[in-house]
């Protein structure tokens, strides 16, 4: 099973989880999210418009799995590179999608597996399932997986419960689905009530062995290459590498040993205070290690030799190879079973045929005996008849001689009669030929009549279909008339609402005009106060200029009249006139705004009045 097939199994669950209506189709928006997440976990660039371009000619409806597969293969799976992503992250993404929809264990059950264990069992199921959809696992593979889990827990498999579950009709016909398998595991009957922690450890161990391709892992003492001292490390053996870590949590990897066909493992004698020693030789280095006991050393050396053998055979996974072998064995067993059944059927057919032939032989013997008796009776009758015939022949011989002469005369007459008969037969043959031709013509006419009848039947059915279509059009026309009447009523109601809104806007316009009149009165009063203030400012400016001018020696203080005559009042613009012009322009703008939006007129007019008051209070004056 290649990498693409493994990914497709997980993605199939993610796609079916998005199919909420179980119609076999998923919306494009959900497929965009799924594709983006797949590109993220697979560490490949995501093209956001590729899906839209791929389904550009399709309608806006959902997409089936057959329609999504070309996009999935072209834009995602063809770009996947082995080793550039973590397969477990892809499985976790697809498990999260499908578990929300399908995995719903009973909450009152104390044996329910945790989410992590359920995910590991789901991954194991995908690995061992058949390569056809919908994914199922044959009972032999289920038994193999349960035996591995029970072996990890050091218990025996409860075969009775397994046989009871396999005996169900749905399982016998279709095999195990992942949800029926998880339901069976949640009952706790298979694990015989073992503790949840023990069950979780066993499931994780089997998961790492089968899915993560861990042939063996555990603590070993390793001799350092530089300091030549011994350190205890946690070793993890896979078909291509032997990794060692600081501890069993595998967070700090201290090194990795690449395995190939040039590697070999040898047992070493005890020395340096270490026992159960062995070494792993590569082309460049030799690694010395020590196990806890002889059994562990034997298991480690056998596992390393298995990994080297797999690499030399070009295989990357032990359990994939074992799965293929088990599948081949099942196929061979199935072939042998079918051949045995076929042989039994042939033997049974031969036995039945033999019994049938024996019965026929008995019948033939009985018929032969009866025929022998009949032959004897016929022989006696024939002899009697022969004697009688001989006597009669002698009499007939005499009569024949007498009639021979008459017969010769009759022969001439018979020959003439025969000639006439031959002519008659020839005429009858010609008549028969003409009658056959007439019969063929009649048959053809009847066939043509049947064809015309079939055509007439088709025309009648077509006329009936047209009548149905006409009735449907008539019903649609009646519905359209009702819809038009409803729309007229809605338009009439809308016109009444608009007329009421218009009356309300006119009322608000009158209120705005009254407010504007009051504001104009306030503006006139403000202009009057402004002129008074301007006069006061002029007076005080004159007084200030007279006080600020110094008197030189020998100068005379000018008279009051002269000072006022020499003072010139600078020209200034009339602020009241400018305010009136601005108020008139703003009145015209307010009328246009009220006509456009009567509902907002009063608020806008208040703002304009405040703005005019602020301009009036800050009026432009040219004061020297």
Foldseek 3Di string as FASTA:
>chain_A
DDPVLLLVLLVVLLQCLQPPVPPQWHFPVVVLVVQVVLCVQLVHDDDSCLSCVLCVVPDRDTGGPVSCVVVCVPVPVVPGDPPSGDVVVSLVVSCVSNCVPQVDDDPPQPLQADPVLLSLLVSVQSLLWDSDPPTAHALVVVVVLLQQLCVLLVHGWPVVLSVVLCPDPVCVVPNHDSNSSSRSSSVCVGVVPDDNVSSSVSSVVVSCVAVVQFLDWDWKWWQDPPPRDIDIWIWTDHLFKIWTANDPVPPGTPDIDGAELQKAKAFDCDDPPAHRKIWIDHPPDIIIIGDPDVVVSVSVRVSSVVSHVCRHVVHRHPVVVVSVVVVVVVVVVVVVVVVVVVVVVVVVVVVVVVVVVVVVVVVVVVVVVVVVVVVVVVVVVVVVVVVVVVVVVVVVVVVCVVCVVVVVVVVVVVVVVVVVVVVVVVVVVVVVVVVVVVVVVVVVVVVVVVVVVVVVVVVVVVVVVVVVVVVVVVVVVVVVVVVVVVVVVVVVVVVVVVVVVVVVLVVLVVVLVVVLVVLVVVLVVLLVVVVVVVVVVVVVVLVVVLVPDDDDPPDDDDDPVVSVVVDDFDDKDRQSVVLVVVSVVVVVVLVVVSVVPSPCSNVVSVVVSVVSVVCSVVDDIDHD
